[in-house]
C-alpha atoms as a PDB file:
ATOM      1  CA  MET A   1      -4.884 -42.023  41.672  1.00  0.00           C
ATOM      2  CA  ASP A   2      -6.793 -44.470  39.801  1.00  0.00           C
ATOM      3  CA  GLU A   3      -6.558 -45.008  35.880  1.00  0.00           C
ATOM      4  CA  ALA A   4      -9.902 -43.577  35.383  1.00  0.00           C
ATOM      5  CA  MET A   5      -9.143 -40.127  37.345  1.00  0.00           C
ATOM      6  CA  THR A   6      -5.640 -40.033  35.300  1.00  0.00           C
ATOM      7  CA  ALA A   7      -7.483 -40.496  32.074  1.00  0.00           C
ATOM      8  CA  SER A   8     -10.051 -37.879  33.051  1.00  0.00           C
ATOM      9  CA  LEU A   9      -7.695 -35.387  34.062  1.00  0.00           C
ATOM     10  CA  GLU A  10      -5.514 -36.110  30.939  1.00  0.00           C
ATOM     11  CA  GLY A  11      -8.308 -35.689  28.783  1.00  0.00           C
ATOM     12  CA  GLY A  12      -9.603 -32.430  30.551  1.00  0.00           C
ATOM     13  CA  GLN A  13      -5.447 -31.018  29.651  1.00  0.00           C
ATOM     14  CA  SER A  14      -5.822 -32.121  26.353  1.00  0.00           C
ATOM     15  CA  ALA A  15      -9.201 -30.324  25.512  1.00  0.00           C
ATOM     16  CA  LYS A  16      -7.958 -27.351  26.960  1.00  0.00           C
ATOM     17  CA  SER A  17      -4.688 -27.496  25.042  1.00  0.00           C
ATOM     18  CA  ARG A  18      -6.710 -28.167  21.890  1.00  0.00           C
ATOM     19  CA  GLU A  19      -8.962 -25.085  22.859  1.00  0.00           C
ATOM     20  CA  GLU A  20      -5.821 -22.646  23.472  1.00  0.00           C
ATOM     21  CA  ALA A  21      -4.412 -24.017  20.091  1.00  0.00           C
ATOM     22  CA  GLU A  22      -7.689 -23.160  17.893  1.00  0.00           C
ATOM     23  CA  LEU A  23      -7.737 -19.937  19.932  1.00  0.00           C
ATOM     24  CA  CYS A  24      -4.032 -19.033  19.027  1.00  0.00           C
ATOM     25  CA  LEU A  25      -4.699 -19.576  15.179  1.00  0.00           C
ATOM     26  CA  ARG A  26      -7.822 -17.448  15.363  1.00  0.00           C
ATOM     27  CA  VAL A  27      -5.965 -14.884  16.566  1.00  0.00           C
ATOM     28  CA  ALA A  28      -3.367 -15.128  13.838  1.00  0.00           C
ATOM     29  CA  SER A  29      -5.861 -15.283  11.069  1.00  0.00           C
ATOM     30  CA  ALA A  30      -7.899 -12.266  12.411  1.00  0.00           C
ATOM     31  CA  LEU A  31      -4.802  -9.860  13.088  1.00  0.00           C
ATOM     32  CA  LYS A  32      -3.592 -10.482   9.458  1.00  0.00           C
ATOM     33  CA  THR A  33      -6.916  -9.387   7.883  1.00  0.00           C
ATOM     34  CA  SER A  34      -6.493  -6.100   6.375  1.00  0.00           C
ATOM     35  CA  ALA A  35      -9.684  -4.691   8.230  1.00  0.00           C
ATOM     36  CA  VAL A  36      -8.409  -5.228  11.687  1.00  0.00           C
ATOM     37  CA  ARG A  37      -4.791  -3.889  10.907  1.00  0.00           C
ATOM     38  CA  LYS A  38      -6.516  -1.091   9.530  1.00  0.00           C
ATOM     39  CA  ALA A  39      -8.771  -0.398  12.553  1.00  0.00           C
ATOM     40  CA  LEU A  40      -5.988  -0.614  14.845  1.00  0.00           C
ATOM     41  CA  GLU A  41      -3.686   1.630  12.839  1.00  0.00           C
ATOM     42  CA  THR A  42      -6.300   4.221  12.063  1.00  0.00           C
ATOM     43  CA  GLU A  43      -8.630   4.222  14.848  1.00  0.00           C
ATOM     44  CA  GLY A  44      -6.587   2.211  17.652  1.00  0.00           C
ATOM     45  CA  PHE A  45      -9.572  -0.030  18.629  1.00  0.00           C
ATOM     46  CA  VAL A  46     -11.268  -3.037  17.219  1.00  0.00           C
ATOM     47  CA  VAL A  47     -13.788  -5.757  18.630  1.00  0.00           C
ATOM     48  CA  LEU A  48     -13.298  -9.315  17.762  1.00  0.00           C
ATOM     49  CA  LYS A  49     -16.755 -10.724  18.038  1.00  0.00           C
ATOM     50  CA  GLN A  50     -17.674 -13.807  19.965  1.00  0.00           C
ATOM     51  CA  PHE A  51     -13.923 -14.817  19.871  1.00  0.00           C
ATOM     52  CA  ILE A  52     -13.892 -16.779  22.915  1.00  0.00           C
ATOM     53  CA  ASN A  53     -16.186 -19.900  23.194  1.00  0.00           C
ATOM     54  CA  LEU A  54     -19.004 -19.389  25.875  1.00  0.00           C
ATOM     55  CA  GLU A  55     -17.729 -22.714  27.612  1.00  0.00           C
ATOM     56  CA  SER A  56     -14.285 -20.901  28.588  1.00  0.00           C
ATOM     57  CA  ILE A  57     -16.274 -17.516  29.303  1.00  0.00           C
ATOM     58  CA  GLN A  58     -18.751 -19.540  31.882  1.00  0.00           C
ATOM     59  CA  ARG A  59     -15.671 -21.213  33.564  1.00  0.00           C
ATOM     60  CA  LEU A  60     -14.071 -18.129  33.712  1.00  0.00           C
ATOM     61  CA  ARG A  61     -17.075 -16.094  35.221  1.00  0.00           C
ATOM     62  CA  GLU A  62     -17.167 -18.898  37.901  1.00  0.00           C
ATOM     63  CA  LEU A  63     -14.101 -17.578  38.917  1.00  0.00           C
ATOM     64  CA  VAL A  64     -14.640 -14.108  39.428  1.00  0.00           C
ATOM     65  CA  GLN A  65     -18.552 -14.154  40.052  1.00  0.00           C
ATOM     66  CA  GLY A  66     -19.823 -13.548  43.686  1.00  0.00           C
ATOM     67  CA  ASP A  67     -17.700 -11.941  46.355  1.00  0.00           C
ATOM     68  CA  LEU A  68     -14.402 -10.979  45.108  1.00  0.00           C
ATOM     69  CA  GLU A  69     -13.101 -10.758  48.905  1.00  0.00           C
ATOM     70  CA  SER A  70     -13.457 -14.263  49.165  1.00  0.00           C
ATOM     71  CA  ILE A  71     -13.116 -16.074  45.591  1.00  0.00           C
ATOM     72  CA  TRP A  72      -9.865 -17.595  44.230  1.00  0.00           C
ATOM     73  CA  PRO A  73      -7.670 -16.503  46.817  1.00  0.00           C
ATOM     74  CA  GLU A  74      -4.405 -17.811  45.545  1.00  0.00           C
ATOM     75  CA  GLY A  75      -5.080 -15.982  42.158  1.00  0.00           C
ATOM     76  CA  LEU A  76      -5.389 -12.545  43.612  1.00  0.00           C
ATOM     77  CA  VAL A  77      -2.299 -10.546  44.372  1.00  0.00           C
ATOM     78  CA  ASP A  78      -1.543  -7.115  45.982  1.00  0.00           C
ATOM     79  CA  SER A  79      -0.028  -4.288  43.708  1.00  0.00           C
ATOM     80  CA  THR A  80       1.559  -2.516  46.983  1.00  0.00           C
ATOM     81  CA  PRO A  81       3.471  -4.757  49.356  1.00  0.00           C
ATOM     82  CA  VAL A  82       3.591  -4.268  52.854  1.00  0.00           C
ATOM     83  CA  LYS A  83       7.431  -3.726  52.610  1.00  0.00           C
ATOM     84  CA  LEU A  84       9.297  -2.801  49.532  1.00  0.00           C
ATOM     85  CA  ASP A  85      11.202  -6.112  49.381  1.00  0.00           C
ATOM     86  CA  GLY A  86       8.375  -8.240  50.593  1.00  0.00           C
ATOM     87  CA  PRO A  87       6.133 -10.718  48.748  1.00  0.00           C
ATOM     88  CA  PRO A  88       2.779  -9.198  47.226  1.00  0.00           C
ATOM     89  CA  LYS A  89      -0.398 -10.232  49.301  1.00  0.00           C
ATOM     90  CA  MET A  90      -4.033 -10.801  48.384  1.00  0.00           C
ATOM     91  CA  ARG A  91      -5.725  -7.479  47.337  1.00  0.00           C
ATOM     92  CA  LEU A  92      -9.395  -6.382  46.274  1.00  0.00           C
ATOM     93  CA  VAL A  93      -9.390  -2.656  44.986  1.00  0.00           C
ATOM     94  CA  ASP A  94     -12.042  -0.372  45.356  1.00  0.00           C
ATOM     95  CA  LEU A  95     -12.461   2.193  42.491  1.00  0.00           C
ATOM     96  CA  LYS A  96     -14.204   4.572  45.011  1.00  0.00           C
ATOM     97  CA  ALA A  97     -11.305   4.777  47.172  1.00  0.00           C
ATOM     98  CA  MET A  98      -9.087   5.421  44.304  1.00  0.00           C
ATOM     99  CA  ASN A  99     -11.342   8.155  42.861  1.00  0.00           C
ATOM    100  CA  PHE A 100     -11.698   6.124  39.864  1.00  0.00           C
ATOM    101  CA  GLY A 101     -15.367   5.467  39.684  1.00  0.00           C
ATOM    102  CA  TYR A 102     -17.678   2.731  41.561  1.00  0.00           C
ATOM    103  CA  GLY A 103     -16.804  -0.840  41.370  1.00  0.00           C
ATOM    104  CA  LYS A 104     -14.304  -3.258  42.341  1.00  0.00           C
ATOM    105  CA  PHE A 105     -11.401  -5.370  40.564  1.00  0.00           C
ATOM    106  CA  ALA A 106      -8.673  -7.575  41.825  1.00  0.00           C
ATOM    107  CA  TYR A 107      -5.158  -8.638  40.374  1.00  0.00           C
ATOM    108  CA  LEU A 108      -4.695 -11.933  38.668  1.00  0.00           C
ATOM    109  CA  GLN A 109      -1.788 -14.066  39.417  1.00  0.00           C
ATOM    110  CA  GLU A 110       0.443 -15.366  36.573  1.00  0.00           C
ATOM    111  CA  PRO A 111      -0.215 -17.664  34.755  1.00  0.00           C
ATOM    112  CA  LEU A 112      -3.646 -16.322  33.900  1.00  0.00           C
ATOM    113  CA  PRO A 113      -6.493 -18.959  33.894  1.00  0.00           C
ATOM    114  CA  SER A 114      -6.981 -20.837  30.612  1.00  0.00           C
ATOM    115  CA  PRO A 115      -7.424 -19.934  27.880  1.00  0.00           C
ATOM    116  CA  MET A 116      -6.135 -16.000  28.716  1.00  0.00           C
ATOM    117  CA  ASN A 117      -2.892 -16.758  29.247  1.00  0.00           C
ATOM    118  CA  ALA A 118      -2.547 -18.289  25.588  1.00  0.00           C
ATOM    119  CA  LEU A 119      -4.833 -15.652  24.202  1.00  0.00           C
ATOM    120  CA  ARG A 120      -2.326 -12.867  25.503  1.00  0.00           C
ATOM    121  CA  SER A 121       0.618 -14.589  24.273  1.00  0.00           C
ATOM    122  CA  ALA A 122      -0.712 -15.000  20.920  1.00  0.00           C
ATOM    123  CA  LEU A 123      -2.060 -11.442  20.805  1.00  0.00           C
ATOM    124  CA  TYR A 124       1.147  -9.977  21.941  1.00  0.00           C
ATOM    125  CA  THR A 125       3.021 -11.879  18.882  1.00  0.00           C
ATOM    126  CA  GLU A 126       0.602 -10.874  16.435  1.00  0.00           C
ATOM    127  CA  LEU A 127       0.301  -7.015  17.534  1.00  0.00           C
ATOM    128  CA  LEU A 128       3.926  -6.818  17.441  1.00  0.00           C
ATOM    129  CA  PRO A 129       4.369  -5.583  14.011  1.00  0.00           C
ATOM    130  CA  VAL A 130       2.103  -2.764  14.663  1.00  0.00           C
ATOM    131  CA  ALA A 131       3.425  -2.033  18.020  1.00  0.00           C
ATOM    132  CA  ASN A 132       6.791  -1.646  16.397  1.00  0.00           C
ATOM    133  CA  THR A 133       5.515   0.823  13.803  1.00  0.00           C
ATOM    134  CA  GLN A 134       3.729   2.704  16.310  1.00  0.00           C
ATOM    135  CA  ILE A 135       6.268   3.336  18.703  1.00  0.00           C
ATOM    136  CA  SER A 136       6.739   7.123  17.970  1.00  0.00           C
ATOM    137  CA  MET A 137       2.976   8.033  17.810  1.00  0.00           C
ATOM    138  CA  PHE A 138       2.833   6.044  21.501  1.00  0.00           C
ATOM    139  CA  GLN A 139       5.535   8.058  22.804  1.00  0.00           C
ATOM    140  CA  ALA A 140       3.731  11.088  21.640  1.00  0.00           C
ATOM    141  CA  GLU A 141       0.450  10.159  23.066  1.00  0.00           C
ATOM    142  CA  ILE A 142       1.982   9.297  26.589  1.00  0.00           C
ATOM    143  CA  PHE A 143       4.133  12.560  26.630  1.00  0.00           C
ATOM    144  CA  PRO A 144       5.625  13.807  29.002  1.00  0.00           C
ATOM    145  CA  LYS A 145       5.843  10.189  30.284  1.00  0.00           C
ATOM    146  CA  ARG A 146       8.938   8.289  28.924  1.00  0.00           C
ATOM    147  CA  LEU A 147       9.064   5.189  26.798  1.00  0.00           C
ATOM    148  CA  ALA A 148      12.442   3.617  27.758  1.00  0.00           C
ATOM    149  CA  LEU A 149      12.747   1.036  24.817  1.00  0.00           C
ATOM    150  CA  GLU A 150      13.003   1.565  20.916  1.00  0.00           C
ATOM    151  CA  GLU A 151      11.730  -1.533  19.768  1.00  0.00           C
ATOM    152  CA  TYR A 152       9.572  -4.669  21.371  1.00  0.00           C
ATOM    153  CA  PRO A 153      11.126  -8.042  21.479  1.00  0.00           C
ATOM    154  CA  PRO A 154       9.627 -11.066  19.710  1.00  0.00           C
ATOM    155  CA  THR A 155       8.059 -12.936  22.491  1.00  0.00           C
ATOM    156  CA  ILE A 156       5.847 -11.451  25.751  1.00  0.00           C
ATOM    157  CA  GLU A 157       8.428 -13.650  28.075  1.00  0.00           C
ATOM    158  CA  ASP A 158      11.510 -11.323  26.503  1.00  0.00           C
ATOM    159  CA  PHE A 159       9.297  -8.392  26.959  1.00  0.00           C
ATOM    160  CA  TRP A 160       8.642  -9.300  30.624  1.00  0.00           C
ATOM    161  CA  GLU A 161      12.517  -9.966  31.029  1.00  0.00           C
ATOM    162  CA  ILE A 162      12.709  -6.011  29.749  1.00  0.00           C
ATOM    163  CA  CYS A 163      10.148  -5.108  32.456  1.00  0.00           C
ATOM    164  CA  ARG A 164      11.932  -6.974  35.151  1.00  0.00           C
ATOM    165  CA  ASN A 165      15.310  -5.113  34.393  1.00  0.00           C
ATOM    166  CA  ALA A 166      13.848  -1.335  34.110  1.00  0.00           C
ATOM    167  CA  GLN A 167      14.659   1.325  36.455  1.00  0.00           C
ATOM    168  CA  PRO A 168      12.516   1.193  38.686  1.00  0.00           C
ATOM    169  CA  PRO A 169      11.821  -2.732  38.049  1.00  0.00           C
ATOM    170  CA  GLN A 170       8.579  -3.686  36.802  1.00  0.00           C
ATOM    171  CA  ARG A 171       7.784  -7.128  38.394  1.00  0.00           C
ATOM    172  CA  LEU A 172       4.166  -7.111  39.458  1.00  0.00           C
ATOM    173  CA  PRO A 173       1.002  -8.404  37.655  1.00  0.00           C
ATOM    174  CA  THR A 174      -1.321  -5.730  35.817  1.00  0.00           C
ATOM    175  CA  SER A 175      -4.135  -8.011  34.494  1.00  0.00           C
ATOM    176  CA  ILE A 176      -7.528  -7.770  36.464  1.00  0.00           C
ATOM    177  CA  CYS A 177     -11.034  -9.024  37.116  1.00  0.00           C
ATOM    178  CA  LEU A 178     -13.614  -6.364  37.540  1.00  0.00           C
ATOM    179  CA  ARG A 179     -17.312  -6.384  38.699  1.00  0.00           C
ATOM    180  CA  TYR A 180     -19.613  -3.705  38.406  1.00  0.00           C
ATOM    181  CA  CYS A 181     -22.880  -3.577  40.103  1.00  0.00           C
ATOM    182  CA  PRO A 182     -25.941  -1.010  39.637  1.00  0.00           C
ATOM    183  CA  THR A 183     -24.564   2.362  39.568  1.00  0.00           C
ATOM    184  CA  GLY A 184     -21.253   1.342  38.846  1.00  0.00           C
ATOM    185  CA  PHE A 185     -18.930   3.068  36.468  1.00  0.00           C
ATOM    186  CA  MET A 186     -15.422   4.006  35.487  1.00  0.00           C
ATOM    187  CA  GLU A 187     -13.904   7.455  34.887  1.00  0.00           C
ATOM    188  CA  PRO A 188     -11.851   8.028  31.760  1.00  0.00           C
ATOM    189  CA  HIS A 189      -8.234   7.027  32.533  1.00  0.00           C
ATOM    190  CA  ARG A 190      -5.031   5.235  30.959  1.00  0.00           C
ATOM    191  CA  ASP A 191      -3.203   2.487  32.368  1.00  0.00           C
ATOM    192  CA  LEU A 192       0.536   3.552  31.839  1.00  0.00           C
ATOM    193  CA  GLN A 193       2.657   2.225  34.678  1.00  0.00           C
ATOM    194  CA  GLY A 194       6.469   2.537  34.637  1.00  0.00           C
ATOM    195  CA  THR A 195       8.472   3.415  31.683  1.00  0.00           C
ATOM    196  CA  ILE A 196       8.050   0.042  30.011  1.00  0.00           C
ATOM    197  CA  MET A 197       4.613  -0.212  28.160  1.00  0.00           C
ATOM    198  CA  PHE A 198       2.949  -1.685  25.420  1.00  0.00           C
ATOM    199  CA  PRO A 199       1.026   0.112  22.893  1.00  0.00           C
ATOM    200  CA  PHE A 200      -2.093  -1.903  23.108  1.00  0.00           C
ATOM    201  CA  GLN A 201      -4.170  -3.382  25.805  1.00  0.00           C
ATOM    202  CA  VAL A 202      -7.173  -6.018  25.757  1.00  0.00           C
ATOM    203  CA  MET A 203     -10.707  -6.064  27.660  1.00  0.00           C
ATOM    204  CA  CYS A 204     -12.851  -9.233  27.554  1.00  0.00           C
ATOM    205  CA  PRO A 205     -16.419  -9.161  28.677  1.00  0.00           C
ATOM    206  CA  LEU A 206     -17.822 -11.946  30.721  1.00  0.00           C
ATOM    207  CA  SER A 207     -21.479 -10.510  30.784  1.00  0.00           C
ATOM    208  CA  ASN A 208     -24.304  -9.726  28.312  1.00  0.00           C
ATOM    209  CA  PRO A 209     -26.097  -6.460  28.079  1.00  0.00           C
ATOM    210  CA  GLY A 210     -29.736  -6.757  28.437  1.00  0.00           C
ATOM    211  CA  GLU A 211     -29.211 -10.399  30.107  1.00  0.00           C
ATOM    212  CA  ASP A 212     -26.970  -9.485  32.895  1.00  0.00           C
ATOM    213  CA  TYR A 213     -26.979  -5.794  32.838  1.00  0.00           C
ATOM    214  CA  GLU A 214     -28.414  -2.586  31.412  1.00  0.00           C
ATOM    215  CA  GLY A 215     -26.150   0.599  30.712  1.00  0.00           C
ATOM    216  CA  GLY A 216     -22.551   0.119  31.118  1.00  0.00           C
ATOM    217  CA  LYS A 217     -20.951   0.588  27.849  1.00  0.00           C
ATOM    218  CA  PHE A 218     -17.399   0.361  27.364  1.00  0.00           C
ATOM    219  CA  PHE A 219     -15.822   3.738  25.778  1.00  0.00           C
ATOM    220  CA  VAL A 220     -12.562   5.024  24.252  1.00  0.00           C
ATOM    221  CA  GLN A 221     -11.603   8.688  23.854  1.00  0.00           C
ATOM    222  CA  PRO A 222      -8.594  10.553  22.742  1.00  0.00           C
ATOM    223  CA  GLY A 223      -8.708  12.986  25.893  1.00  0.00           C
ATOM    224  CA  LYS A 224      -9.498  12.785  29.370  1.00  0.00           C
ATOM    225  CA  LYS A 225     -12.343  15.375  28.877  1.00  0.00           C
ATOM    226  CA  ASP A 226     -12.438  14.656  25.018  1.00  0.00           C
ATOM    227  CA  VAL A 227     -16.334  13.520  25.252  1.00  0.00           C
ATOM    228  CA  GLY A 228     -17.233  14.788  22.008  1.00  0.00           C
ATOM    229  CA  ARG A 229     -15.220  12.385  20.422  1.00  0.00           C
ATOM    230  CA  GLN A 230     -15.743   9.363  22.738  1.00  0.00           C
ATOM    231  CA  HIS A 231     -16.743   6.030  21.113  1.00  0.00           C
ATOM    232  CA  CYS A 232     -19.011   3.594  22.867  1.00  0.00           C
ATOM    233  CA  GLN A 233     -19.308  -0.061  22.557  1.00  0.00           C
ATOM    234  CA  GLU A 234     -21.971  -2.358  23.389  1.00  0.00           C
ATOM    235  CA  LEU A 235     -19.965  -5.944  24.175  1.00  0.00           C
ATOM    236  CA  PHE A 236     -20.968  -9.279  24.574  1.00  0.00           C
ATOM    237  CA  LYS A 237     -19.363 -12.156  26.503  1.00  0.00           C
ATOM    238  CA  GLY A 238     -16.763 -13.737  24.099  1.00  0.00           C
ATOM    239  CA  ASP A 239     -15.686 -10.494  22.562  1.00  0.00           C
ATOM    240  CA  VAL A 240     -12.100  -9.526  22.727  1.00  0.00           C
ATOM    241  CA  VAL A 241     -11.444  -5.881  22.575  1.00  0.00           C
ATOM    242  CA  ILE A 242      -8.150  -4.399  21.632  1.00  0.00           C
ATOM    243  CA  PHE A 243      -7.353  -0.937  22.095  1.00  0.00           C
ATOM    244  CA  ARG A 244      -4.362   1.606  22.170  1.00  0.00           C
ATOM    245  CA  SER A 245      -2.974   2.250  25.513  1.00  0.00           C
ATOM    246  CA  GLY A 246      -2.441   5.673  24.737  1.00  0.00           C
ATOM    247  CA  LEU A 247      -6.295   6.479  24.279  1.00  0.00           C
ATOM    248  CA  TYR A 248      -8.257   7.040  27.580  1.00  0.00           C
ATOM    249  CA  HIS A 249     -11.005   4.228  28.421  1.00  0.00           C
ATOM    250  CA  GLY A 250     -13.425   3.746  30.890  1.00  0.00           C
ATOM    251  CA  LEU A 251     -17.443   2.374  31.427  1.00  0.00           C
ATOM    252  CA  GLU A 252     -20.606   4.395  31.409  1.00  0.00           C
ATOM    253  CA  LYS A 253     -22.852   3.614  34.674  1.00  0.00           C
ATOM    254  CA  LEU A 254     -24.776   0.607  34.805  1.00  0.00           C
ATOM    255  CA  ALA A 255     -28.565   1.117  35.093  1.00  0.00           C
ATOM    256  CA  LYS A 256     -29.106  -2.378  36.709  1.00  0.00           C
ATOM    257  CA  GLY A 257     -27.530  -5.925  37.041  1.00  0.00           C
ATOM    258  CA  THR A 258     -23.795  -6.841  37.347  1.00  0.00           C
ATOM    259  CA  ARG A 259     -21.234  -6.681  34.715  1.00  0.00           C
ATOM    260  CA  PHE A 260     -17.958  -8.810  34.971  1.00  0.00           C
ATOM    261  CA  ALA A 261     -14.991  -8.590  32.761  1.00  0.00           C
ATOM    262  CA  ILE A 262     -11.346  -9.369  32.569  1.00  0.00           C
ATOM    263  CA  ALA A 263      -8.712  -6.726  31.299  1.00  0.00           C
ATOM    264  CA  MET A 264      -5.241  -7.745  30.306  1.00  0.00           C
ATOM    265  CA  GLN A 265      -2.211  -5.754  30.072  1.00  0.00           C
ATOM    266  CA  PHE A 266       1.092  -6.865  28.213  1.00  0.00           C
ATOM    267  CA  ALA A 267       3.725  -5.072  30.465  1.00  0.00           C
ATOM    268  CA  LEU A 268       4.299  -5.665  34.120  1.00  0.00           C
ATOM    269  CA  SER A 269       4.037  -2.887  36.694  1.00  0.00           C
ATOM    270  CA  HIS A 270       6.201  -1.407  39.333  1.00  0.00           C
ATOM    271  CA  LEU A 271       5.509  -0.132  42.993  1.00  0.00           C
ATOM    272  CA  MET A 272       3.713   3.248  42.772  1.00  0.00           C
ATOM    273  CA  GLU A 273       3.059   4.051  46.181  1.00  0.00           C
ATOM    274  CA  ASN A 274       4.857   4.334  49.432  1.00  0.00           C
ATOM    275  CA  PRO A 275       3.543   1.251  51.156  1.00  0.00           C
ATOM    276  CA  SER A 276       4.713   2.887  54.771  1.00  0.00           C
ATOM    277  CA  LEU A 277       2.038   5.549  54.343  1.00  0.00           C
ATOM    278  CA  PRO A 278      -1.632   4.296  54.673  1.00  0.00           C
ATOM    279  CA  ARG A 279      -3.995   5.246  51.485  1.00  0.00           C
ATOM    280  CA  ARG A 280      -6.810   7.494  52.236  1.00  0.00           C
ATOM    281  CA  THR A 281     -10.190   6.202  51.416  1.00  0.00           C
ATOM    282  CA  TRP A 282     -12.479   8.148  49.198  1.00  0.00           C
ATOM    283  CA  GLU A 283     -14.181   9.693  51.978  1.00  0.00           C
ATOM    284  CA  GLU A 284     -11.169  11.195  53.683  1.00  0.00           C
ATOM    285  CA  LYS A 285     -10.055  12.610  50.266  1.00  0.00           C
ATOM    286  CA  GLN A 286     -13.017  14.550  50.069  1.00  0.00           C
ATOM    287  CA  GLU A 287     -13.144  15.468  53.898  1.00  0.00           C
ATOM    288  CA  LEU A 288      -9.486  16.918  53.310  1.00  0.00           C
ATOM    289  CA  ALA A 289     -10.272  18.964  50.212  1.00  0.00           C
ATOM    290  CA  LYS A 290     -13.009  20.572  51.932  1.00  0.00           C
ATOM    291  CA  ARG A 291     -10.600  21.456  54.873  1.00  0.00           C
ATOM    292  CA  CYS A 292      -8.081  22.676  52.447  1.00  0.00           C
ATOM    293  CA  GLU A 293     -10.677  24.722  50.620  1.00  0.00           C
ATOM    294  CA  ALA A 294     -11.885  26.371  54.019  1.00  0.00           C
ATOM    295  CA  GLU A 295      -8.316  26.869  55.050  1.00  0.00           C
ATOM    296  CA  ALA A 296      -7.138  28.564  51.819  1.00  0.00           C
ATOM    297  CA  GLU A 297     -10.346  30.837  52.214  1.00  0.00           C
ATOM    298  CA  GLN A 298      -9.556  31.729  55.620  1.00  0.00           C
ATOM    299  CA  GLN A 299      -6.052  32.589  54.390  1.00  0.00           C
ATOM    300  CA  ASN A 300      -6.911  34.698  51.897  1.00  0.00           C
ATOM    301  CA  CYS A 301      -9.226  36.530  54.325  1.00  0.00           C
ATOM    302  CA  HIS A 302      -6.960  36.985  57.121  1.00  0.00           C
ATOM    303  CA  GLY A 303      -3.482  35.932  55.922  1.00  0.00           C
ATOM    304  CA  GLY A 304      -1.084  33.764  57.677  1.00  0.00           C
ATOM    305  CA  GLN A 305       0.418  30.596  56.872  1.00  0.00           C
ATOM    306  CA  LYS A 306      -1.024  27.626  55.207  1.00  0.00           C
ATOM    307  CA  HIS A 307      -2.093  24.619  57.722  1.00  0.00           C
ATOM    308  CA  ARG A 308      -0.116  21.903  57.189  1.00  0.00           C
ATOM    309  CA  SER A 309      -3.030  19.131  57.504  1.00  0.00           C
ATOM    310  CA  CYS A 310      -3.289  19.343  53.872  1.00  0.00           C
ATOM    311  CA  GLY A 311      -0.126  17.363  52.968  1.00  0.00           C
ATOM    312  CA  GLY A 312       0.480  13.775  53.144  1.00  0.00           C
ATOM    313  CA  GLN A 313      -0.198  10.823  50.687  1.00  0.00           C
ATOM    314  CA  ASP A 314      -3.315  10.638  48.641  1.00  0.00           C
END
């Protein structure tokens, strides 16, 4: 490698380091303000406006834009290994197949691309005091799920060590990149995986409403069907959204265009499904539901034993 190329690479790394350092300072400053702290403590939701510079947003968008099946292959991993002890493989997740909505997302390999990794670490550190004061409230929100820790450690690396030693172990990446096309949406849901969880999570839009898409507002609400208390928010690229993990969140339907985003969780995940059984597609689930309804109606009319075709893994 010649001196010019070496200098160029070193200059790029230096610029990236400066960008990350500046972002971490902005995080520390923003989360120490009384308005942000109060919003997190009372509403459980806050937007840090235009927080990530547009150059970084463009770079991140180039990584996730296009066909998610083919981009960034070294950065997409499977949440369900072929074998329980096998290594994760590349995986694209279809929301329709999971009955979660209409869109696609892919898991991101650790460490996250710059500046997201530094941003997440800084956010963890600054959210820590609020997280520790809200443990009891968080446990009440997620009941009957159990939170298997009483205090959060000082760094995200220490937190991950607790995740890895949990029962069952939580060792898999949880941060994702998302793409929504026209009519795309996500149902209200919560990302509560395993017994080690963090009270907050983060979403960073990579697209602008009006410019890249129409519709598709992000929302949070206290309950799955509590639409009357739903809070919708129009978000712009560069914004950083922090919200309580105990809140349900989702996305309204896109009228047109394409919307990209990166969502970050602080905890690692564990294997939720039995990898030896194939996951049913959305169409198969609908067909199964119709068949079960027909068999139940027939049983009510004529008696007899329930047919076993309704069993198996969803």
